[in-house]
């Protein structure tokens, strides 16, 4: 369910916007997307795990808010991040 420290560092390196960037919306969205994808796989096999479902919905809501913020403040970065992560179909 959680992501490893190494995987998180890879995501930070891939999506950072500056040298010391670890908390920009792009990095946070990438980390949340990875967590959401792993929880979605878990939910496919454990359909009645309602506690995980609640946590998954909270993560999706948090990512939605970050995406809305990014779309409002930097539309080009928004389009870039959804393309790289394949969020929108």
PDB file of N, CA and C in Angstrom:
ATOM      1  N   UNK A   1       0.819  -1.181   0.000  1.00  0.00           N
ATOM      2  CA  UNK A   1       0.000   0.000   0.000  1.00  0.00           C
ATOM      3  C   UNK A   1       0.874   1.260   0.000  1.00  0.00           C
ATOM      4  N   UNK A   2       1.877   1.282   0.848  1.00  0.00           N
ATOM      5  CA  UNK A   2       2.745   2.453   0.869  1.00  0.00           C
ATOM      6  C   UNK A   2       3.832   2.284  -0.179  1.00  0.00           C
ATOM      7  N   UNK A   3       4.459   3.377  -0.527  1.00  0.00           N
ATOM      8  CA  UNK A   3       5.543   3.295  -1.488  1.00  0.00           C
ATOM      9  C   UNK A   3       6.868   3.357  -0.736  1.00  0.00           C
ATOM     10  N   UNK A   4       7.879   2.731  -1.310  1.00  0.00           N
ATOM     11  CA  UNK A   4       9.172   2.675  -0.642  1.00  0.00           C
ATOM     12  C   UNK A   4       9.868   4.029  -0.728  1.00  0.00           C
ATOM     13  N   UNK A   5      10.830   4.202   0.131  1.00  0.00           N
ATOM     14  CA  UNK A   5      11.598   5.444   0.160  1.00  0.00           C
ATOM     15  C   UNK A   5      12.325   5.659  -1.171  1.00  0.00           C
ATOM     16  N   UNK A   6      12.837   4.569  -1.743  1.00  0.00           N
ATOM     17  CA  UNK A   6      13.545   4.674  -3.018  1.00  0.00           C
ATOM     18  C   UNK A   6      12.602   5.093  -4.142  1.00  0.00           C
ATOM     19  N   UNK A   7      11.416   4.516  -4.177  1.00  0.00           N
ATOM     20  CA  UNK A   7      10.437   4.863  -5.213  1.00  0.00           C
ATOM     21  C   UNK A   7      10.013   6.321  -5.088  1.00  0.00           C
ATOM     22  N   UNK A   8       9.843   6.780  -3.848  1.00  0.00           N
ATOM     23  CA  UNK A   8       9.462   8.170  -3.619  1.00  0.00           C
ATOM     24  C   UNK A   8      10.567   9.105  -4.109  1.00  0.00           C
ATOM     25  N   UNK A   9      11.827   8.753  -3.851  1.00  0.00           N
ATOM     26  CA  UNK A   9      12.941   9.571  -4.321  1.00  0.00           C
ATOM     27  C   UNK A   9      13.004   9.607  -5.843  1.00  0.00           C
ATOM     28  N   UNK A  10      12.697   8.474  -6.491  1.00  0.00           N
ATOM     29  CA  UNK A  10      12.648   8.438  -7.958  1.00  0.00           C
ATOM     30  C   UNK A  10      11.587   9.397  -8.483  1.00  0.00           C
ATOM     31  N   UNK A  11      10.424   9.385  -7.850  1.00  0.00           N
ATOM     32  CA  UNK A  11       9.340  10.274  -8.270  1.00  0.00           C
ATOM     33  C   UNK A  11       9.720  11.736  -8.074  1.00  0.00           C
ATOM     34  N   UNK A  12      10.373  12.041  -6.967  1.00  0.00           N
ATOM     35  CA  UNK A  12      10.803  13.419  -6.712  1.00  0.00           C
ATOM     36  C   UNK A  12      11.794  13.846  -7.781  1.00  0.00           C
ATOM     37  N   UNK A  13      12.753  12.978  -8.109  1.00  0.00           N
ATOM     38  CA  UNK A  13      13.749  13.311  -9.127  1.00  0.00           C
ATOM     39  C   UNK A  13      13.104  13.511 -10.497  1.00  0.00           C
ATOM     40  N   UNK A  14      12.099  12.717 -10.798  1.00  0.00           N
ATOM     41  CA  UNK A  14      11.466  12.784 -12.106  1.00  0.00           C
ATOM     42  C   UNK A  14      10.570  14.007 -12.279  1.00  0.00           C
ATOM     43  N   UNK A  15       9.876  14.419 -11.215  1.00  0.00           N
ATOM     44  CA  UNK A  15       8.866  15.466 -11.343  1.00  0.00           C
ATOM     45  C   UNK A  15       9.244  16.795 -10.691  1.00  0.00           C
ATOM     46  N   UNK A  16      10.427  16.907 -10.129  1.00  0.00           N
ATOM     47  CA  UNK A  16      10.790  18.152  -9.456  1.00  0.00           C
ATOM     48  C   UNK A  16      10.945  19.287 -10.460  1.00  0.00           C
ATOM     49  N   UNK A  17      10.696  20.500  -9.986  1.00  0.00           N
ATOM     50  CA  UNK A  17      10.795  21.672 -10.849  1.00  0.00           C
ATOM     51  C   UNK A  17      12.071  22.457 -10.598  1.00  0.00           C
ATOM     52  N   UNK A  18      12.735  22.219  -9.473  1.00  0.00           N
ATOM     53  CA  UNK A  18      13.980  22.903  -9.151  1.00  0.00           C
ATOM     54  C   UNK A  18      14.918  21.943  -8.441  1.00  0.00           C
ATOM     55  N   UNK A  19      16.069  22.437  -8.026  1.00  0.00           N
ATOM     56  CA  UNK A  19      17.059  21.572  -7.391  1.00  0.00           C
ATOM     57  C   UNK A  19      16.612  21.050  -6.035  1.00  0.00           C
ATOM     58  N   UNK A  20      16.041  21.916  -5.216  1.00  0.00           N
ATOM     59  CA  UNK A  20      15.637  21.522  -3.863  1.00  0.00           C
ATOM     60  C   UNK A  20      14.146  21.248  -3.757  1.00  0.00           C
ATOM     61  N   UNK A  21      13.493  20.977  -4.863  1.00  0.00           N
ATOM     62  CA  UNK A  21      12.038  20.824  -4.886  1.00  0.00           C
ATOM     63  C   UNK A  21      11.634  19.427  -4.427  1.00  0.00           C
ATOM     64  N   UNK A  22      10.851  19.362  -3.347  1.00  0.00           N
ATOM     65  CA  UNK A  22      10.291  18.081  -2.912  1.00  0.00           C
ATOM     66  C   UNK A  22       8.801  18.190  -2.631  1.00  0.00           C
ATOM     67  N   UNK A  23       8.246  19.405  -2.660  1.00  0.00           N
ATOM     68  CA  UNK A  23       6.860  19.562  -2.262  1.00  0.00           C
ATOM     69  C   UNK A  23       5.995  20.319  -3.239  1.00  0.00           C
ATOM     70  N   UNK A  24       6.450  20.483  -4.461  1.00  0.00           N
ATOM     71  CA  UNK A  24       5.626  21.190  -5.435  1.00  0.00           C
ATOM     72  C   UNK A  24       4.391  20.356  -5.761  1.00  0.00           C
ATOM     73  N   UNK A  25       3.359  20.974  -6.296  1.00  0.00           N
ATOM     74  CA  UNK A  25       2.156  20.215  -6.631  1.00  0.00           C
ATOM     75  C   UNK A  25       2.438  19.053  -7.593  1.00  0.00           C
ATOM     76  N   UNK A  26       3.364  19.248  -8.526  1.00  0.00           N
ATOM     77  CA  UNK A  26       3.682  18.183  -9.474  1.00  0.00           C
ATOM     78  C   UNK A  26       4.222  16.949  -8.756  1.00  0.00           C
ATOM     79  N   UNK A  27       5.129  17.152  -7.807  1.00  0.00           N
ATOM     80  CA  UNK A  27       5.712  16.038  -7.059  1.00  0.00           C
ATOM     81  C   UNK A  27       4.645  15.375  -6.190  1.00  0.00           C
ATOM     82  N   UNK A  28       3.823  16.188  -5.514  1.00  0.00           N
ATOM     83  CA  UNK A  28       2.783  15.625  -4.659  1.00  0.00           C
ATOM     84  C   UNK A  28       1.772  14.826  -5.466  1.00  0.00           C
ATOM     85  N   UNK A  29       1.404  15.317  -6.638  1.00  0.00           N
ATOM     86  CA  UNK A  29       0.449  14.605  -7.491  1.00  0.00           C
ATOM     87  C   UNK A  29       1.036  13.276  -7.952  1.00  0.00           C
ATOM     88  N   UNK A  30       2.316  13.262  -8.305  1.00  0.00           N
ATOM     89  CA  UNK A  30       2.959  12.020  -8.752  1.00  0.00           C
ATOM     90  C   UNK A  30       2.991  10.984  -7.627  1.00  0.00           C
ATOM     91  N   UNK A  31       3.316  11.418  -6.426  1.00  0.00           N
ATOM     92  CA  UNK A  31       3.359  10.493  -5.288  1.00  0.00           C
ATOM     93  C   UNK A  31       1.957   9.972  -4.971  1.00  0.00           C
ATOM     94  N   UNK A  32       0.976  10.863  -4.966  1.00  0.00           N
ATOM     95  CA  UNK A  32      -0.406  10.428  -4.698  1.00  0.00           C
ATOM     96  C   UNK A  32      -0.895   9.466  -5.769  1.00  0.00           C
ATOM     97  N   UNK A  33      -0.544   9.706  -7.021  1.00  0.00           N
ATOM     98  CA  UNK A  33      -0.976   8.821  -8.108  1.00  0.00           C
ATOM     99  C   UNK A  33      -0.405   7.425  -7.931  1.00  0.00           C
ATOM    100  N   UNK A  34       0.845   7.336  -7.521  1.00  0.00           N
ATOM    101  CA  UNK A  34       1.457   6.029  -7.282  1.00  0.00           C
ATOM    102  C   UNK A  34       0.738   5.303  -6.152  1.00  0.00           C
ATOM    103  N   UNK A  35       0.440   6.022  -5.078  1.00  0.00           N
ATOM    104  CA  UNK A  35      -0.289   5.407  -3.964  1.00  0.00           C
ATOM    105  C   UNK A  35      -1.693   4.986  -4.378  1.00  0.00           C
ATOM    106  N   UNK A  36      -2.365   5.821  -5.156  1.00  0.00           N
ATOM    107  CA  UNK A  36      -3.721   5.511  -5.618  1.00  0.00           C
ATOM    108  C   UNK A  36      -3.712   4.258  -6.487  1.00  0.00           C
ATOM    109  N   UNK A  37      -2.732   4.150  -7.369  1.00  0.00           N
ATOM    110  CA  UNK A  37      -2.652   2.972  -8.241  1.00  0.00           C
ATOM    111  C   UNK A  37      -2.427   1.691  -7.448  1.00  0.00           C
ATOM    112  N   UNK A  38      -1.589   1.742  -6.411  1.00  0.00           N
ATOM    113  CA  UNK A  38      -1.352   0.532  -5.619  1.00  0.00           C
ATOM    114  C   UNK A  38      -2.595   0.161  -4.807  1.00  0.00           C
ATOM    115  N   UNK A  39      -3.294   1.171  -4.270  1.00  0.00           N
ATOM    116  CA  UNK A  39      -4.516   0.870  -3.522  1.00  0.00           C
ATOM    117  C   UNK A  39      -5.630   0.367  -4.437  1.00  0.00           C
ATOM    118  N   UNK A  40      -5.660   0.845  -5.662  1.00  0.00           N
ATOM    119  CA  UNK A  40      -6.662   0.368  -6.614  1.00  0.00           C
ATOM    120  C   UNK A  40      -6.448  -1.111  -6.913  1.00  0.00           C
ATOM    121  N   UNK A  41      -5.183  -1.513  -7.062  1.00  0.00           N
ATOM    122  CA  UNK A  41      -4.884  -2.933  -7.276  1.00  0.00           C
ATOM    123  C   UNK A  41      -5.298  -3.759  -6.057  1.00  0.00           C
ATOM    124  N   UNK A  42      -5.047  -3.253  -4.867  1.00  0.00           N
ATOM    125  CA  UNK A  42      -5.449  -3.940  -3.647  1.00  0.00           C
ATOM    126  C   UNK A  42      -6.968  -4.112  -3.601  1.00  0.00           C
ATOM    127  N   UNK A  43      -7.694  -3.066  -3.996  1.00  0.00           N
ATOM    128  CA  UNK A  43      -9.152  -3.124  -3.948  1.00  0.00           C
ATOM    129  C   UNK A  43      -9.731  -4.114  -4.962  1.00  0.00           C
ATOM    130  N   UNK A  44      -8.997  -4.373  -6.031  1.00  0.00           N
ATOM    131  CA  UNK A  44      -9.487  -5.355  -7.017  1.00  0.00           C
ATOM    132  C   UNK A  44      -9.566  -6.751  -6.420  1.00  0.00           C
ATOM    133  N   UNK A  45      -8.661  -7.069  -5.501  1.00  0.00           N
ATOM    134  CA  UNK A  45      -8.683  -8.402  -4.903  1.00  0.00           C
ATOM    135  C   UNK A  45      -9.431  -8.445  -3.572  1.00  0.00           C
ATOM    136  N   UNK A  46      -9.523  -7.325  -2.886  1.00  0.00           N
ATOM    137  CA  UNK A  46     -10.200  -7.257  -1.588  1.00  0.00           C
ATOM    138  C   UNK A  46     -11.363  -6.275  -1.685  1.00  0.00           C
ATOM    139  N   UNK A  47     -12.428  -6.713  -2.290  1.00  0.00           N
ATOM    140  CA  UNK A  47     -13.551  -5.836  -2.603  1.00  0.00           C
ATOM    141  C   UNK A  47     -14.267  -5.299  -1.358  1.00  0.00           C
ATOM    142  N   UNK A  48     -14.205  -6.009  -0.258  1.00  0.00           N
ATOM    143  CA  UNK A  48     -14.956  -5.587   0.929  1.00  0.00           C
ATOM    144  C   UNK A  48     -14.090  -4.868   1.961  1.00  0.00           C
ATOM    145  N   UNK A  49     -12.905  -4.448   1.572  1.00  0.00           N
ATOM    146  CA  UNK A  49     -12.013  -3.715   2.470  1.00  0.00           C
ATOM    147  C   UNK A  49     -12.436  -2.244   2.475  1.00  0.00           C
ATOM    148  N   UNK A  50     -13.396  -1.935   3.327  1.00  0.00           N
ATOM    149  CA  UNK A  50     -13.996  -0.610   3.317  1.00  0.00           C
ATOM    150  C   UNK A  50     -13.079   0.458   3.918  1.00  0.00           C
ATOM    151  N   UNK A  51     -12.208   0.073   4.825  1.00  0.00           N
ATOM    152  CA  UNK A  51     -11.271   1.038   5.395  1.00  0.00           C
ATOM    153  C   UNK A  51     -10.289   1.515   4.321  1.00  0.00           C
ATOM    154  N   UNK A  52      -9.817   0.599   3.502  1.00  0.00           N
ATOM    155  CA  UNK A  52      -8.930   0.980   2.405  1.00  0.00           C
ATOM    156  C   UNK A  52      -9.676   1.816   1.389  1.00  0.00           C
ATOM    157  N   UNK A  53     -10.930   1.488   1.141  1.00  0.00           N
ATOM    158  CA  UNK A  53     -11.731   2.264   0.195  1.00  0.00           C
ATOM    159  C   UNK A  53     -11.872   3.706   0.659  1.00  0.00           C
ATOM    160  N   UNK A  54     -12.084   3.892   1.949  1.00  0.00           N
ATOM    161  CA  UNK A  54     -12.218   5.232   2.502  1.00  0.00           C
ATOM    162  C   UNK A  54     -10.910   6.007   2.350  1.00  0.00           C
ATOM    163  N   UNK A  55      -9.799   5.349   2.630  1.00  0.00           N
ATOM    164  CA  UNK A  55      -8.500   5.989   2.460  1.00  0.00           C
ATOM    165  C   UNK A  55      -8.208   6.317   1.009  1.00  0.00           C
ATOM    166  N   UNK A  56      -8.601   5.427   0.113  1.00  0.00           N
ATOM    167  CA  UNK A  56      -8.409   5.648  -1.314  1.00  0.00           C
ATOM    168  C   UNK A  56      -9.201   6.864  -1.782  1.00  0.00           C
ATOM    169  N   UNK A  57     -10.430   6.981  -1.329  1.00  0.00           N
ATOM    170  CA  UNK A  57     -11.238   8.136  -1.701  1.00  0.00           C
ATOM    171  C   UNK A  57     -10.640   9.436  -1.170  1.00  0.00           C
ATOM    172  N   UNK A  58     -10.045   9.385   0.008  1.00  0.00           N
ATOM    173  CA  UNK A  58      -9.393  10.575   0.569  1.00  0.00           C
ATOM    174  C   UNK A  58      -8.188  10.971  -0.284  1.00  0.00           C
ATOM    175  N   UNK A  59      -7.408   9.985  -0.740  1.00  0.00           N
ATOM    176  CA  UNK A  59      -6.250  10.279  -1.587  1.00  0.00           C
ATOM    177  C   UNK A  59      -6.682  10.859  -2.930  1.00  0.00           C
ATOM    178  N   UNK A  60      -7.740  10.311  -3.496  1.00  0.00           N
ATOM    179  CA  UNK A  60      -8.240  10.817  -4.774  1.00  0.00           C
ATOM    180  C   UNK A  60      -8.718  12.260  -4.614  1.00  0.00           C
ATOM    181  N   UNK A  61      -9.380  12.554  -3.496  1.00  0.00           N
ATOM    182  CA  UNK A  61      -9.853  13.914  -3.249  1.00  0.00           C
ATOM    183  C   UNK A  61      -8.682  14.886  -3.088  1.00  0.00           C
ATOM    184  N   UNK A  62      -7.647  14.450  -2.381  1.00  0.00           N
ATOM    185  CA  UNK A  62      -6.477  15.308  -2.192  1.00  0.00           C
ATOM    186  C   UNK A  62      -5.792  15.585  -3.527  1.00  0.00           C
ATOM    187  N   UNK A  63      -5.670  14.539  -4.355  1.00  0.00           N
ATOM    188  CA  UNK A  63      -5.063  14.731  -5.677  1.00  0.00           C
ATOM    189  C   UNK A  63      -5.920  15.652  -6.537  1.00  0.00           C
ATOM    190  N   UNK A  64      -7.240  15.516  -6.449  1.00  0.00           N
ATOM    191  CA  UNK A  64      -8.144  16.378  -7.213  1.00  0.00           C
ATOM    192  C   UNK A  64      -7.949  17.844  -6.835  1.00  0.00           C
ATOM    193  N   UNK A  65      -7.826  18.123  -5.542  1.00  0.00           N
ATOM    194  CA  UNK A  65      -7.605  19.499  -5.098  1.00  0.00           C
ATOM    195  C   UNK A  65      -6.277  20.043  -5.612  1.00  0.00           C
ATOM    196  N   UNK A  66      -5.230  19.224  -5.575  1.00  0.00           N
ATOM    197  CA  UNK A  66      -3.934  19.672  -6.089  1.00  0.00           C
ATOM    198  C   UNK A  66      -3.989  19.924  -7.591  1.00  0.00           C
ATOM    199  N   UNK A  67      -4.695  19.064  -8.317  1.00  0.00           N
ATOM    200  CA  UNK A  67      -4.827  19.257  -9.757  1.00  0.00           C
ATOM    201  C   UNK A  67      -5.617  20.524 -10.069  1.00  0.00           C
ATOM    202  N   UNK A  68      -6.662  20.795  -9.303  1.00  0.00           N
ATOM    203  CA  UNK A  68      -7.432  22.028  -9.496  1.00  0.00           C
ATOM    204  C   UNK A  68      -6.564  23.252  -9.251  1.00  0.00           C
ATOM    205  N   UNK A  69      -5.747  23.207  -8.201  1.00  0.00           N
ATOM    206  CA  UNK A  69      -4.846  24.312  -7.896  1.00  0.00           C
ATOM    207  C   UNK A  69      -3.857  24.523  -9.039  1.00  0.00           C
ATOM    208  N   UNK A  70      -3.289  23.431  -9.518  1.00  0.00           N
ATOM    209  CA  UNK A  70      -2.292  23.532 -10.583  1.00  0.00           C
ATOM    210  C   UNK A  70      -2.924  24.049 -11.871  1.00  0.00           C
ATOM    211  N   UNK A  71      -4.135  23.600 -12.169  1.00  0.00           N
ATOM    212  CA  UNK A  71      -4.816  24.071 -13.385  1.00  0.00           C
ATOM    213  C   UNK A  71      -5.101  25.569 -13.303  1.00  0.00           C
ATOM    214  N   UNK A  72      -5.420  26.052 -12.107  1.00  0.00           N
ATOM    215  CA  UNK A  72      -5.728  27.466 -11.921  1.00  0.00           C
ATOM    216  C   UNK A  72      -4.478  28.340 -12.015  1.00  0.00           C
ATOM    217  N   UNK A  73      -3.366  27.885 -11.431  1.00  0.00           N
ATOM    218  CA  UNK A  73      -2.166  28.709 -11.345  1.00  0.00           C
ATOM    219  C   UNK A  73      -1.159  28.481 -12.466  1.00  0.00           C
ATOM    220  N   UNK A  74      -1.136  27.277 -13.061  1.00  0.00           N
ATOM    221  CA  UNK A  74      -0.165  26.981 -14.109  1.00  0.00           C
ATOM    222  C   UNK A  74      -0.780  25.965 -15.074  1.00  0.00           C
ATOM    223  N   UNK A  75      -1.597  26.417 -16.025  1.00  0.00           N
ATOM    224  CA  UNK A  75      -2.308  25.492 -16.915  1.00  0.00           C
ATOM    225  C   UNK A  75      -1.382  24.583 -17.730  1.00  0.00           C
ATOM    226  N   UNK A  76      -0.228  25.097 -18.129  1.00  0.00           N
ATOM    227  CA  UNK A  76       0.673  24.269 -18.930  1.00  0.00           C
ATOM    228  C   UNK A  76       1.254  23.125 -18.093  1.00  0.00           C
ATOM    229  N   UNK A  77       1.604  23.395 -16.844  1.00  0.00           N
ATOM    230  CA  UNK A  77       2.110  22.346 -15.961  1.00  0.00           C
ATOM    231  C   UNK A  77       1.020  21.311 -15.692  1.00  0.00           C
ATOM    232  N   UNK A  78      -0.223  21.766 -15.591  1.00  0.00           N
ATOM    233  CA  UNK A  78      -1.353  20.851 -15.403  1.00  0.00           C
ATOM    234  C   UNK A  78      -1.468  19.886 -16.577  1.00  0.00           C
ATOM    235  N   UNK A  79      -1.429  20.420 -17.786  1.00  0.00           N
ATOM    236  CA  UNK A  79      -1.524  19.560 -18.969  1.00  0.00           C
ATOM    237  C   UNK A  79      -0.341  18.612 -19.064  1.00  0.00           C
ATOM    238  N   UNK A  80       0.828  19.089 -18.685  1.00  0.00           N
ATOM    239  CA  UNK A  80       2.026  18.262 -18.718  1.00  0.00           C
ATOM    240  C   UNK A  80       1.921  17.100 -17.738  1.00  0.00           C
ATOM    241  N   UNK A  81       1.486  17.375 -16.514  1.00  0.00           N
ATOM    242  CA  UNK A  81       1.446  16.339 -15.482  1.00  0.00           C
ATOM    243  C   UNK A  81       0.378  15.286 -15.784  1.00  0.00           C
ATOM    244  N   UNK A  82      -0.780  15.696 -16.283  1.00  0.00           N
ATOM    245  CA  UNK A  82      -1.800  14.680 -16.582  1.00  0.00           C
ATOM    246  C   UNK A  82      -1.383  13.846 -17.794  1.00  0.00           C
ATOM    247  N   UNK A  83      -0.611  14.430 -18.695  1.00  0.00           N
ATOM    248  CA  UNK A  83      -0.107  13.645 -19.814  1.00  0.00           C
ATOM    249  C   UNK A  83       0.941  12.649 -19.399  1.00  0.00           C
ATOM    250  N   UNK A  84       1.849  13.074 -18.526  1.00  0.00           N
ATOM    251  CA  UNK A  84       2.931  12.188 -18.079  1.00  0.00           C
ATOM    252  C   UNK A  84       2.425  11.059 -17.193  1.00  0.00           C
ATOM    253  N   UNK A  85       1.412  11.345 -16.383  1.00  0.00           N
ATOM    254  CA  UNK A  85       0.892  10.319 -15.468  1.00  0.00           C
ATOM    255  C   UNK A  85      -0.249   9.523 -16.080  1.00  0.00           C
ATOM    256  N   UNK A  86      -0.818  10.014 -17.173  1.00  0.00           N
ATOM    257  CA  UNK A  86      -1.930   9.299 -17.791  1.00  0.00           C
ATOM    258  C   UNK A  86      -3.166   9.293 -16.915  1.00  0.00           C
ATOM    259  N   UNK A  87      -3.451  10.425 -16.263  1.00  0.00           N
ATOM    260  CA  UNK A  87      -4.592  10.479 -15.343  1.00  0.00           C
ATOM    261  C   UNK A  87      -5.908  10.578 -16.100  1.00  0.00           C
ATOM    262  N   UNK A  88      -5.989  11.494 -17.053  1.00  0.00           N
ATOM    263  CA  UNK A  88      -7.240  11.663 -17.810  1.00  0.00           C
ATOM    264  C   UNK A  88      -7.250  10.734 -19.011  1.00  0.00           C
ATOM    265  N   UNK A  89      -8.416  10.188 -19.269  1.00  0.00           N
ATOM    266  CA  UNK A  89      -8.520   9.239 -20.389  1.00  0.00           C
ATOM    267  C   UNK A  89      -8.807   9.956 -21.691  1.00  0.00           C
TER     268      UNK A  89
END
